[in-house]
C-alpha atoms as a PDB file:
ATOM      1  CA  MET A   1     117.345  97.885 116.315  1.00  0.00           C
ATOM      2  CA  LEU A   2     114.843  96.319 113.655  1.00  0.00           C
ATOM      3  CA  PRO A   3     116.079  95.696 110.008  1.00  0.00           C
ATOM      4  CA  PRO A   4     115.422  98.431 107.765  1.00  0.00           C
ATOM      5  CA  HIS A   5     111.805  98.936 106.508  1.00  0.00           C
ATOM      6  CA  ARG A   6     110.075  99.912 103.018  1.00  0.00           C
ATOM      7  CA  SER A   7     109.052 103.378 102.772  1.00  0.00           C
ATOM      8  CA  LEU A   8     105.500 103.702 103.237  1.00  0.00           C
ATOM      9  CA  ALA A   9     102.759 103.662 100.295  1.00  0.00           C
ATOM     10  CA  PHE A  10     105.854 104.014  97.615  1.00  0.00           C
ATOM     11  CA  SER A  11     107.838 100.547  98.336  1.00  0.00           C
ATOM     12  CA  ALA A  12     106.670  98.804  94.983  1.00  0.00           C
ATOM     13  CA  ALA A  13     109.767  98.891  93.015  1.00  0.00           C
ATOM     14  CA  ALA A  14     107.714  99.538  89.680  1.00  0.00           C
ATOM     15  CA  LEU A  15     107.332 103.452  91.297  1.00  0.00           C
ATOM     16  CA  LEU A  16     110.659 104.054  91.114  1.00  0.00           C
ATOM     17  CA  VAL A  17     111.331 104.407  87.128  1.00  0.00           C
ATOM     18  CA  LEU A  18     109.465 107.648  86.696  1.00  0.00           C
ATOM     19  CA  GLY A  19     108.759 108.631  82.746  1.00  0.00           C
ATOM     20  CA  ALA A  20     109.414 112.108  82.263  1.00  0.00           C
ATOM     21  CA  PHE A  21     106.133 114.003  81.630  1.00  0.00           C
ATOM     22  CA  GLY A  22     105.666 117.741  80.857  1.00  0.00           C
ATOM     23  CA  CYS A  23     109.234 118.599  80.347  1.00  0.00           C
ATOM     24  CA  ALA A  24     110.734 121.002  78.210  1.00  0.00           C
ATOM     25  CA  PRO A  25     112.734 119.227  75.249  1.00  0.00           C
ATOM     26  CA  ASP A  26     116.287 118.796  76.996  1.00  0.00           C
ATOM     27  CA  GLY A  27     114.677 117.894  80.460  1.00  0.00           C
ATOM     28  CA  THR A  28     116.348 120.552  82.279  1.00  0.00           C
ATOM     29  CA  THR A  29     114.826 124.050  81.867  1.00  0.00           C
ATOM     30  CA  PRO A  30     111.325 124.951  82.758  1.00  0.00           C
ATOM     31  CA  SER A  31     109.006 126.489  80.594  1.00  0.00           C
ATOM     32  CA  GLY A  32     105.489 128.362  80.697  1.00  0.00           C
ATOM     33  CA  ASP A  33     104.120 130.843  82.836  1.00  0.00           C
ATOM     34  CA  LEU A  34     102.172 130.752  86.445  1.00  0.00           C
ATOM     35  CA  SER A  35     100.197 133.556  88.407  1.00  0.00           C
ATOM     36  CA  ASP A  36     102.413 136.209  89.861  1.00  0.00           C
ATOM     37  CA  HIS A  37     101.870 134.532  93.625  1.00  0.00           C
ATOM     38  CA  LEU A  38     104.598 132.162  92.840  1.00  0.00           C
ATOM     39  CA  SER A  39     107.075 134.095  90.901  1.00  0.00           C
ATOM     40  CA  VAL A  40     110.746 134.415  92.271  1.00  0.00           C
ATOM     41  CA  ASP A  41     110.212 138.393  92.493  1.00  0.00           C
ATOM     42  CA  GLN A  42     107.667 137.533  95.042  1.00  0.00           C
ATOM     43  CA  ALA A  43     109.262 135.229  96.991  1.00  0.00           C
ATOM     44  CA  THR A  44     110.556 138.143  99.265  1.00  0.00           C
ATOM     45  CA  ALA A  45     112.922 137.271 102.054  1.00  0.00           C
ATOM     46  CA  GLN A  46     111.439 137.325 105.663  1.00  0.00           C
ATOM     47  CA  SER A  47     112.431 138.320 109.078  1.00  0.00           C
ATOM     48  CA  THR A  48     112.499 134.679 109.959  1.00  0.00           C
ATOM     49  CA  GLY A  49     115.261 133.908 107.652  1.00  0.00           C
ATOM     50  CA  HIS A  50     112.801 132.000 105.255  1.00  0.00           C
ATOM     51  CA  GLN A  51     114.507 133.404 102.221  1.00  0.00           C
ATOM     52  CA  HIS A  52     111.994 132.390  99.479  1.00  0.00           C
ATOM     53  CA  GLU A  53     108.774 132.266 101.754  1.00  0.00           C
ATOM     54  CA  PRO A  54     106.206 134.373  99.836  1.00  0.00           C
ATOM     55  CA  LEU A  55     104.383 136.933 102.096  1.00  0.00           C
ATOM     56  CA  GLY A  56     101.193 135.967 103.712  1.00  0.00           C
ATOM     57  CA  PHE A  57     101.844 132.262 104.382  1.00  0.00           C
ATOM     58  CA  THR A  58     100.928 130.997 107.526  1.00  0.00           C
ATOM     59  CA  THR A  59     103.082 128.469 109.625  1.00  0.00           C
ATOM     60  CA  VAL A  60     101.637 124.856 109.172  1.00  0.00           C
ATOM     61  CA  THR A  61     104.055 123.058 111.289  1.00  0.00           C
ATOM     62  CA  LYS A  62     107.932 123.833 112.771  1.00  0.00           C
ATOM     63  CA  ASN A  63     110.174 121.708 114.645  1.00  0.00           C
ATOM     64  CA  THR A  64     113.661 122.820 115.906  1.00  0.00           C
ATOM     65  CA  THR A  65     114.646 119.034 116.139  1.00  0.00           C
ATOM     66  CA  ASP A  66     115.398 119.667 119.600  1.00  0.00           C
ATOM     67  CA  ALA A  67     113.863 116.340 120.476  1.00  0.00           C
ATOM     68  CA  LEU A  68     112.888 113.293 118.722  1.00  0.00           C
ATOM     69  CA  PRO A  69     108.875 112.729 118.359  1.00  0.00           C
ATOM     70  CA  PRO A  70     107.615 109.846 120.696  1.00  0.00           C
ATOM     71  CA  SER A  71     106.641 106.484 118.554  1.00  0.00           C
ATOM     72  CA  PHE A  72     103.149 105.258 117.913  1.00  0.00           C
ATOM     73  CA  ASN A  73     101.112 107.995 118.105  1.00  0.00           C
ATOM     74  CA  PHE A  74     100.644 111.481 116.939  1.00  0.00           C
ATOM     75  CA  PHE A  75     101.409 114.217 119.385  1.00  0.00           C
ATOM     76  CA  SER A  76     101.234 117.926 119.736  1.00  0.00           C
ATOM     77  CA  SER A  77     104.026 120.486 118.895  1.00  0.00           C
ATOM     78  CA  THR A  78     104.070 124.373 118.644  1.00  0.00           C
ATOM     79  CA  PRO A  79     102.698 124.404 116.197  1.00  0.00           C
ATOM     80  CA  GLY A  80     102.091 121.277 114.352  1.00  0.00           C
ATOM     81  CA  VAL A  81     101.423 117.480 114.896  1.00  0.00           C
ATOM     82  CA  TRP A  82     104.754 115.015 114.770  1.00  0.00           C
ATOM     83  CA  LYS A  83     104.892 111.205 114.802  1.00  0.00           C
ATOM     84  CA  MET A  84     107.439 108.202 114.310  1.00  0.00           C
ATOM     85  CA  VAL A  85     107.235 104.720 113.323  1.00  0.00           C
ATOM     86  CA  SER A  86     107.788 102.235 116.003  1.00  0.00           C
ATOM     87  CA  ALA A  87     111.679 101.226 116.521  1.00  0.00           C
ATOM     88  CA  PRO A  88     112.953 104.206 114.928  1.00  0.00           C
ATOM     89  CA  THR A  89     116.732 104.417 114.235  1.00  0.00           C
ATOM     90  CA  ALA A  90     116.755 107.829 114.172  1.00  0.00           C
ATOM     91  CA  ARG A  91     118.982 109.773 116.989  1.00  0.00           C
ATOM     92  CA  LEU A  92     119.075 112.747 118.579  1.00  0.00           C
ATOM     93  CA  VAL A  93     122.433 114.199 118.128  1.00  0.00           C
ATOM     94  CA  THR A  94     124.659 117.244 118.813  1.00  0.00           C
ATOM     95  CA  ASP A  95     126.122 119.499 116.225  1.00  0.00           C
ATOM     96  CA  ALA A  96     127.072 122.872 116.870  1.00  0.00           C
ATOM     97  CA  THR A  97     127.764 123.446 112.966  1.00  0.00           C
ATOM     98  CA  ALA A  98     124.143 122.985 112.024  1.00  0.00           C
ATOM     99  CA  PRO A  99     123.231 126.509 110.710  1.00  0.00           C
ATOM    100  CA  CYS A 100     119.351 126.515 111.074  1.00  0.00           C
ATOM    101  CA  SER A 101     118.713 126.137 114.832  1.00  0.00           C
ATOM    102  CA  PRO A 102     121.816 124.356 116.620  1.00  0.00           C
ATOM    103  CA  PRO A 103     122.705 122.300 118.464  1.00  0.00           C
ATOM    104  CA  ARG A 104     120.523 119.694 118.464  1.00  0.00           C
ATOM    105  CA  VAL A 105     119.380 117.750 115.221  1.00  0.00           C
ATOM    106  CA  TRP A 106     118.175 114.356 113.904  1.00  0.00           C
ATOM    107  CA  SER A 107     120.081 112.205 112.682  1.00  0.00           C
ATOM    108  CA  THR A 108     119.486 108.445 111.062  1.00  0.00           C
ATOM    109  CA  THR A 109     122.170 105.947 108.966  1.00  0.00           C
ATOM    110  CA  TYR A 110     121.723 104.092 105.670  1.00  0.00           C
ATOM    111  CA  LYS A 111     123.896 101.242 106.709  1.00  0.00           C
ATOM    112  CA  ALA A 112     126.080  98.855 104.652  1.00  0.00           C
ATOM    113  CA  GLY A 113     124.167  95.703 103.312  1.00  0.00           C
ATOM    114  CA  MET A 114     121.132  98.054 103.144  1.00  0.00           C
ATOM    115  CA  GLN A 115     119.339  96.892  99.871  1.00  0.00           C
ATOM    116  CA  ALA A 116     118.064  99.236  97.383  1.00  0.00           C
ATOM    117  CA  GLY A 117     114.159 100.399  98.026  1.00  0.00           C
ATOM    118  CA  ARG A 118     114.989 100.541 101.624  1.00  0.00           C
ATOM    119  CA  GLY A 119     114.833 103.470 104.350  1.00  0.00           C
ATOM    120  CA  PRO A 120     116.165 103.500 107.580  1.00  0.00           C
ATOM    121  CA  ILE A 121     113.000 106.071 109.075  1.00  0.00           C
ATOM    122  CA  THR A 122     109.510 107.106 108.639  1.00  0.00           C
ATOM    123  CA  LEU A 123     108.639 110.134 110.531  1.00  0.00           C
ATOM    124  CA  TRP A 124     106.097 112.659 109.587  1.00  0.00           C
ATOM    125  CA  SER A 125     104.231 115.950 110.247  1.00  0.00           C
ATOM    126  CA  GLN A 126     100.981 117.584 109.522  1.00  0.00           C
ATOM    127  CA  GLY A 127      99.189 120.659 110.772  1.00  0.00           C
ATOM    128  CA  LYS A 128      97.067 119.063 113.296  1.00  0.00           C
ATOM    129  CA  THR A 129      95.458 115.967 115.052  1.00  0.00           C
ATOM    130  CA  GLY A 130      93.226 113.945 112.656  1.00  0.00           C
ATOM    131  CA  ALA A 131      92.510 115.588 109.118  1.00  0.00           C
ATOM    132  CA  PRO A 132      95.442 117.816 108.557  1.00  0.00           C
ATOM    133  CA  PRO A 133      94.604 121.189 106.922  1.00  0.00           C
ATOM    134  CA  GLU A 134      94.849 121.416 103.350  1.00  0.00           C
ATOM    135  CA  SER A 135      96.693 124.236 101.263  1.00  0.00           C
ATOM    136  CA  ARG A 136      97.029 124.609  97.542  1.00  0.00           C
ATOM    137  CA  ARG A 137     100.670 126.306  98.244  1.00  0.00           C
ATOM    138  CA  TRP A 138     103.334 125.129 100.471  1.00  0.00           C
ATOM    139  CA  TYR A 139     106.686 126.323 101.426  1.00  0.00           C
ATOM    140  CA  ILE A 140     109.088 124.289 102.949  1.00  0.00           C
ATOM    141  CA  GLN A 141     112.723 124.850 104.601  1.00  0.00           C
ATOM    142  CA  LEU A 142     115.048 122.600 106.445  1.00  0.00           C
ATOM    143  CA  CYS A 143     118.878 122.043 106.970  1.00  0.00           C
ATOM    144  CA  MET A 144     120.110 118.872 105.711  1.00  0.00           C
ATOM    145  CA  LYS A 145     123.460 116.972 105.649  1.00  0.00           C
ATOM    146  CA  LEU A 146     123.777 113.737 103.810  1.00  0.00           C
ATOM    147  CA  GLY A 147     126.704 111.422 103.723  1.00  0.00           C
ATOM    148  CA  ARG A 148     129.617 110.487 105.887  1.00  0.00           C
ATOM    149  CA  ASN A 149     133.665 111.721 105.815  1.00  0.00           C
ATOM    150  CA  GLY A 150     133.033 114.207 102.914  1.00  0.00           C
ATOM    151  CA  LEU A 151     131.246 111.350 100.895  1.00  0.00           C
ATOM    152  CA  TYR A 152     127.904 109.899 100.068  1.00  0.00           C
ATOM    153  CA  GLU A 153     127.436 106.628  98.326  1.00  0.00           C
ATOM    154  CA  ASN A 154     124.151 106.906  96.221  1.00  0.00           C
ATOM    155  CA  GLN A 155     122.386 104.548  94.040  1.00  0.00           C
ATOM    156  CA  ALA A 156     122.343 104.363  90.577  1.00  0.00           C
ATOM    157  CA  VAL A 157     119.098 106.167  90.299  1.00  0.00           C
ATOM    158  CA  GLY A 158     119.061 108.102  93.362  1.00  0.00           C
ATOM    159  CA  THR A 159     117.839 108.651  96.813  1.00  0.00           C
ATOM    160  CA  LYS A 160     114.276 109.910  97.882  1.00  0.00           C
ATOM    161  CA  LEU A 161     115.115 112.487 100.267  1.00  0.00           C
ATOM    162  CA  PHE A 162     111.384 113.063 101.455  1.00  0.00           C
ATOM    163  CA  PHE A 163     107.879 112.791 100.297  1.00  0.00           C
ATOM    164  CA  ILE A 164     105.276 115.805 100.063  1.00  0.00           C
ATOM    165  CA  SER A 165     101.712 114.572 100.036  1.00  0.00           C
ATOM    166  CA  LEU A 166      99.265 115.860  98.018  1.00  0.00           C
ATOM    167  CA  ALA A 167      96.313 115.238  95.797  1.00  0.00           C
ATOM    168  CA  ASP A 168      94.748 112.016  97.603  1.00  0.00           C
ATOM    169  CA  ASP A 169      92.607 111.583 100.779  1.00  0.00           C
ATOM    170  CA  PRO A 170      95.588 112.562 103.601  1.00  0.00           C
ATOM    171  CA  SER A 171      94.696 109.014 105.285  1.00  0.00           C
ATOM    172  CA  ILE A 172      95.454 107.099 101.811  1.00  0.00           C
ATOM    173  CA  GLU A 173      98.632 109.017 100.694  1.00  0.00           C
ATOM    174  CA  ARG A 174      99.054 107.646  97.371  1.00  0.00           C
ATOM    175  CA  CYS A 175     100.270 110.829  95.367  1.00  0.00           C
ATOM    176  CA  ALA A 176     103.532 112.508  96.347  1.00  0.00           C
ATOM    177  CA  VAL A 177     106.189 115.061  94.919  1.00  0.00           C
ATOM    178  CA  ILE A 178     109.552 113.597  96.096  1.00  0.00           C
ATOM    179  CA  PRO A 179     112.775 115.577  96.135  1.00  0.00           C
ATOM    180  CA  ARG A 180     115.614 113.659  95.012  1.00  0.00           C
ATOM    181  CA  ALA A 181     119.585 113.243  94.961  1.00  0.00           C
ATOM    182  CA  LYS A 182     119.869 112.056  91.613  1.00  0.00           C
ATOM    183  CA  GLY A 183     122.108 108.935  90.862  1.00  0.00           C
ATOM    184  CA  ASP A 184     125.006 109.027  88.216  1.00  0.00           C
ATOM    185  CA  VAL A 185     123.552 105.815  86.425  1.00  0.00           C
ATOM    186  CA  VAL A 186     125.879 103.637  88.212  1.00  0.00           C
ATOM    187  CA  GLN A 187     126.118 103.414  92.038  1.00  0.00           C
ATOM    188  CA  ALA A 188     128.777 105.439  93.198  1.00  0.00           C
ATOM    189  CA  ILE A 189     130.331 107.274  96.035  1.00  0.00           C
ATOM    190  CA  LYS A 190     130.894 111.146  95.369  1.00  0.00           C
ATOM    191  CA  SER A 191     131.157 114.631  96.953  1.00  0.00           C
ATOM    192  CA  SER A 192     128.488 116.242  95.047  1.00  0.00           C
ATOM    193  CA  TRP A 193     125.091 115.285  93.373  1.00  0.00           C
ATOM    194  CA  THR A 194     122.680 116.878  90.918  1.00  0.00           C
ATOM    195  CA  VAL A 195     119.134 117.077  91.993  1.00  0.00           C
ATOM    196  CA  TRP A 196     115.837 116.236  90.609  1.00  0.00           C
ATOM    197  CA  ALA A 197     112.157 115.553  91.725  1.00  0.00           C
ATOM    198  CA  GLY A 198     109.526 113.207  90.941  1.00  0.00           C
ATOM    199  CA  PHE A 199     105.524 113.059  90.897  1.00  0.00           C
ATOM    200  CA  GLU A 200     103.577 109.747  91.436  1.00  0.00           C
ATOM    201  CA  CYS A 201     100.097 109.133  92.024  1.00  0.00           C
ATOM    202  CA  ALA A 202      99.232 105.678  92.006  1.00  0.00           C
ATOM    203  CA  GLY A 203      98.718 105.297  88.240  1.00  0.00           C
ATOM    204  CA  ILE A 204      95.461 107.759  88.318  1.00  0.00           C
ATOM    205  CA  LEU A 205      97.863 110.426  86.897  1.00  0.00           C
ATOM    206  CA  PRO A 206     100.957 110.061  85.049  1.00  0.00           C
ATOM    207  CA  ASN A 207     104.310 109.688  86.723  1.00  0.00           C
ATOM    208  CA  ALA A 208     106.530 113.167  86.267  1.00  0.00           C
ATOM    209  CA  THR A 209     110.166 113.734  86.395  1.00  0.00           C
ATOM    210  CA  PHE A 210     111.429 117.269  87.323  1.00  0.00           C
ATOM    211  CA  TYR A 211     114.995 117.814  86.061  1.00  0.00           C
ATOM    212  CA  GLN A 212     117.221 120.689  87.820  1.00  0.00           C
ATOM    213  CA  ILE A 213     117.778 124.009  85.901  1.00  0.00           C
ATOM    214  CA  ALA A 214     120.843 123.806  82.921  1.00  0.00           C
ATOM    215  CA  GLY A 215     123.556 125.287  84.451  1.00  0.00           C
ATOM    216  CA  ALA A 216     122.941 124.396  88.249  1.00  0.00           C
ATOM    217  CA  GLY A 217     126.068 122.087  88.331  1.00  0.00           C
ATOM    218  CA  ARG A 218     126.014 119.586  90.935  1.00  0.00           C
ATOM    219  CA  PRO A 219     124.420 121.508  93.927  1.00  0.00           C
ATOM    220  CA  LEU A 220     123.931 119.080  96.322  1.00  0.00           C
ATOM    221  CA  LYS A 221     127.277 118.696  98.696  1.00  0.00           C
ATOM    222  CA  SER A 222     128.306 115.365 100.552  1.00  0.00           C
ATOM    223  CA  ASP A 223     128.409 115.945 104.235  1.00  0.00           C
ATOM    224  CA  VAL A 224     128.042 119.589 104.149  1.00  0.00           C
ATOM    225  CA  TRP A 225     125.158 121.390 105.902  1.00  0.00           C
ATOM    226  CA  GLN A 226     123.027 123.165 103.223  1.00  0.00           C
ATOM    227  CA  VAL A 227     119.745 125.054 103.787  1.00  0.00           C
ATOM    228  CA  HIS A 228     117.094 123.656 101.243  1.00  0.00           C
ATOM    229  CA  GLU A 229     114.013 125.479 100.373  1.00  0.00           C
ATOM    230  CA  TRP A 230     111.033 124.171  98.501  1.00  0.00           C
ATOM    231  CA  LEU A 231     107.701 125.989  97.132  1.00  0.00           C
ATOM    232  CA  LEU A 232     105.261 123.693  95.850  1.00  0.00           C
ATOM    233  CA  ASP A 233     101.616 125.138  94.173  1.00  0.00           C
ATOM    234  CA  ALA A 234      99.416 121.938  93.757  1.00  0.00           C
ATOM    235  CA  GLY A 235      97.520 124.200  90.636  1.00  0.00           C
ATOM    236  CA  ASP A 236      94.019 123.982  89.813  1.00  0.00           C
ATOM    237  CA  ILE A 237      92.038 120.666  89.696  1.00  0.00           C
ATOM    238  CA  ASP A 238      92.256 119.194  86.255  1.00  0.00           C
ATOM    239  CA  GLN A 239      94.841 122.056  84.860  1.00  0.00           C
ATOM    240  CA  ALA A 240      98.252 121.906  84.242  1.00  0.00           C
ATOM    241  CA  ASN A 241      99.069 125.089  86.095  1.00  0.00           C
ATOM    242  CA  GLY A 242     100.908 123.838  89.253  1.00  0.00           C
ATOM    243  CA  ARG A 243     104.315 124.630  89.949  1.00  0.00           C
ATOM    244  CA  PHE A 244     107.233 123.069  91.928  1.00  0.00           C
ATOM    245  CA  GLN A 245     110.452 125.189  92.858  1.00  0.00           C
ATOM    246  CA  TRP A 246     113.835 123.992  95.071  1.00  0.00           C
ATOM    247  CA  TRP A 247     116.635 126.464  96.218  1.00  0.00           C
ATOM    248  CA  ILE A 248     119.927 124.899  97.787  1.00  0.00           C
ATOM    249  CA  ASP A 249     121.727 127.825  99.729  1.00  0.00           C
ATOM    250  CA  GLY A 250     119.503 130.156  98.204  1.00  0.00           C
ATOM    251  CA  LYS A 251     120.165 129.568  94.677  1.00  0.00           C
ATOM    252  CA  LEU A 252     117.360 128.245  92.339  1.00  0.00           C
ATOM    253  CA  VAL A 253     118.295 124.792  91.274  1.00  0.00           C
ATOM    254  CA  LEU A 254     114.865 123.344  89.918  1.00  0.00           C
ATOM    255  CA  ASP A 255     111.688 125.090  88.798  1.00  0.00           C
ATOM    256  CA  LYS A 256     108.910 122.674  87.087  1.00  0.00           C
ATOM    257  CA  ARG A 257     106.144 124.871  85.599  1.00  0.00           C
ATOM    258  CA  ASN A 258     102.798 123.815  84.140  1.00  0.00           C
ATOM    259  CA  GLN A 259     102.259 120.446  85.901  1.00  0.00           C
ATOM    260  CA  LYS A 260      98.937 118.752  86.832  1.00  0.00           C
ATOM    261  CA  PHE A 261      99.028 117.465  90.425  1.00  0.00           C
ATOM    262  CA  ARG A 262      95.301 117.208  90.850  1.00  0.00           C
ATOM    263  CA  THR A 263      91.979 115.654  88.727  1.00  0.00           C
ATOM    264  CA  HIS A 264      88.502 115.001  89.543  1.00  0.00           C
ATOM    265  CA  LYS A 265      89.151 111.289  88.416  1.00  0.00           C
ATOM    266  CA  SER A 266      88.889 108.730  91.766  1.00  0.00           C
ATOM    267  CA  GLY A 267      88.895 111.917  93.672  1.00  0.00           C
ATOM    268  CA  MET A 268      92.055 113.247  93.697  1.00  0.00           C
ATOM    269  CA  THR A 269      91.172 116.806  94.327  1.00  0.00           C
ATOM    270  CA  HIS A 270      92.875 117.403  97.783  1.00  0.00           C
ATOM    271  CA  GLY A 271      95.702 119.851  98.362  1.00  0.00           C
ATOM    272  CA  ILE A 272      98.933 119.709  99.794  1.00  0.00           C
ATOM    273  CA  ASN A 273      98.624 118.034 103.548  1.00  0.00           C
ATOM    274  CA  ARG A 274     101.738 116.331 104.737  1.00  0.00           C
ATOM    275  CA  TRP A 275     105.640 116.253 105.100  1.00  0.00           C
ATOM    276  CA  ARG A 276     107.112 112.671 105.005  1.00  0.00           C
ATOM    277  CA  TRP A 277     110.587 112.050 106.222  1.00  0.00           C
ATOM    278  CA  ALA A 278     110.928 108.560 104.641  1.00  0.00           C
ATOM    279  CA  PRO A 279     114.302 108.623 102.976  1.00  0.00           C
ATOM    280  CA  THR A 280     114.572 105.759 100.637  1.00  0.00           C
ATOM    281  CA  TRP A 281     117.793 104.309  98.810  1.00  0.00           C
ATOM    282  CA  GLY A 282     117.032 103.671  95.405  1.00  0.00           C
ATOM    283  CA  GLY A 283     114.275 101.225  94.514  1.00  0.00           C
ATOM    284  CA  ILE A 284     115.824  98.368  92.274  1.00  0.00           C
ATOM    285  CA  GLY A 285     118.979  96.769  92.324  1.00  0.00           C
ATOM    286  CA  GLY A 286     122.382  97.684  94.518  1.00  0.00           C
ATOM    287  CA  THR A 287     123.683  97.121  97.896  1.00  0.00           C
ATOM    288  CA  ARG A 288     125.053  99.916 100.059  1.00  0.00           C
ATOM    289  CA  THR A 289     128.993  99.419 100.734  1.00  0.00           C
ATOM    290  CA  ARG A 290     129.437 101.910 103.623  1.00  0.00           C
ATOM    291  CA  ASP A 291     127.734 103.685 106.164  1.00  0.00           C
ATOM    292  CA  ASP A 292     126.170 107.145 105.589  1.00  0.00           C
ATOM    293  CA  ASP A 293     124.194 109.614 107.853  1.00  0.00           C
ATOM    294  CA  TYR A 294     121.493 111.519 106.864  1.00  0.00           C
ATOM    295  CA  GLN A 295     120.810 114.634 109.372  1.00  0.00           C
ATOM    296  CA  ILE A 296     118.287 117.323 109.729  1.00  0.00           C
ATOM    297  CA  ASP A 297     117.840 120.405 111.106  1.00  0.00           C
ATOM    298  CA  ASN A 298     114.869 122.858 112.005  1.00  0.00           C
ATOM    299  CA  VAL A 299     111.633 121.662 109.801  1.00  0.00           C
ATOM    300  CA  TYR A 300     109.528 124.680 108.977  1.00  0.00           C
ATOM    301  CA  VAL A 301     106.187 124.533 106.705  1.00  0.00           C
ATOM    302  CA  SER A 302     103.741 127.022 105.961  1.00  0.00           C
ATOM    303  CA  GLY A 303     101.018 127.457 103.764  1.00  0.00           C
ATOM    304  CA  GLN A 304      98.573 129.516 101.928  1.00  0.00           C
ATOM    305  CA  GLY A 305      95.432 129.183  99.970  1.00  0.00           C
ATOM    306  CA  LYS A 306      92.071 126.832  99.967  1.00  0.00           C
ATOM    307  CA  PRO A 307      92.644 123.516  98.360  1.00  0.00           C
END
């Protein structure tokens, strides 16, 4: 097994420290309005079990995690296209308790001794070979379990869970929304965590931090299977009308409105185009003291709207 690698395009340590941008005064509660297509009321439960997938969305990619993608090259799935870096540390394991599509799940491990700013795996998906299709809106659902023996060791700032690429040319991937398990200021081993998300766009658009809703508590549980859903609207170009929402086990825990995700500056006009599992542990400072697993079951992505 090769040493852990730095996650693609976002390994620079300076990118970890996100400046809050456009948040409510207390940094937690959302503000402003959006068009009705992304209202919570419109996020009607679907027969597929994708509880907050809005009506009219079309499947972009789906993987029941019954097999790992081969290394090196993209290959077609039904639907979607998948790829994993060479010498992966991901494993295919069996867990009958996985709630989305048991029994097989993907599993990777943050090893003791791993330095901050590194991650054990990079695996990604897009809608088709070549230039992936772009959408203005994406819905993502997956089942996730983070930790071992009832606990998880988080870096002081947090853990980047994965990346949702948007705005930039898909072949460059300089811009992304990044859901995170938020750290508690100091490196710690705990049974639950708050969440947040970041927007990073290579200095072309301001970095932004999206805090969870006040009163959401500590919704991310260590070493427990949970159903996560995200809804992202890239908004109009050069308009602060984008939106990002996050549900855990059906409860809305984050709702960031009025965010600018795209701009004509430097051609950052693309839509949402790729999901990338590059789970990075922190960014600056800290060494892991224990092994922790990160497991995923059933990745589903759907989209709607032209970029």
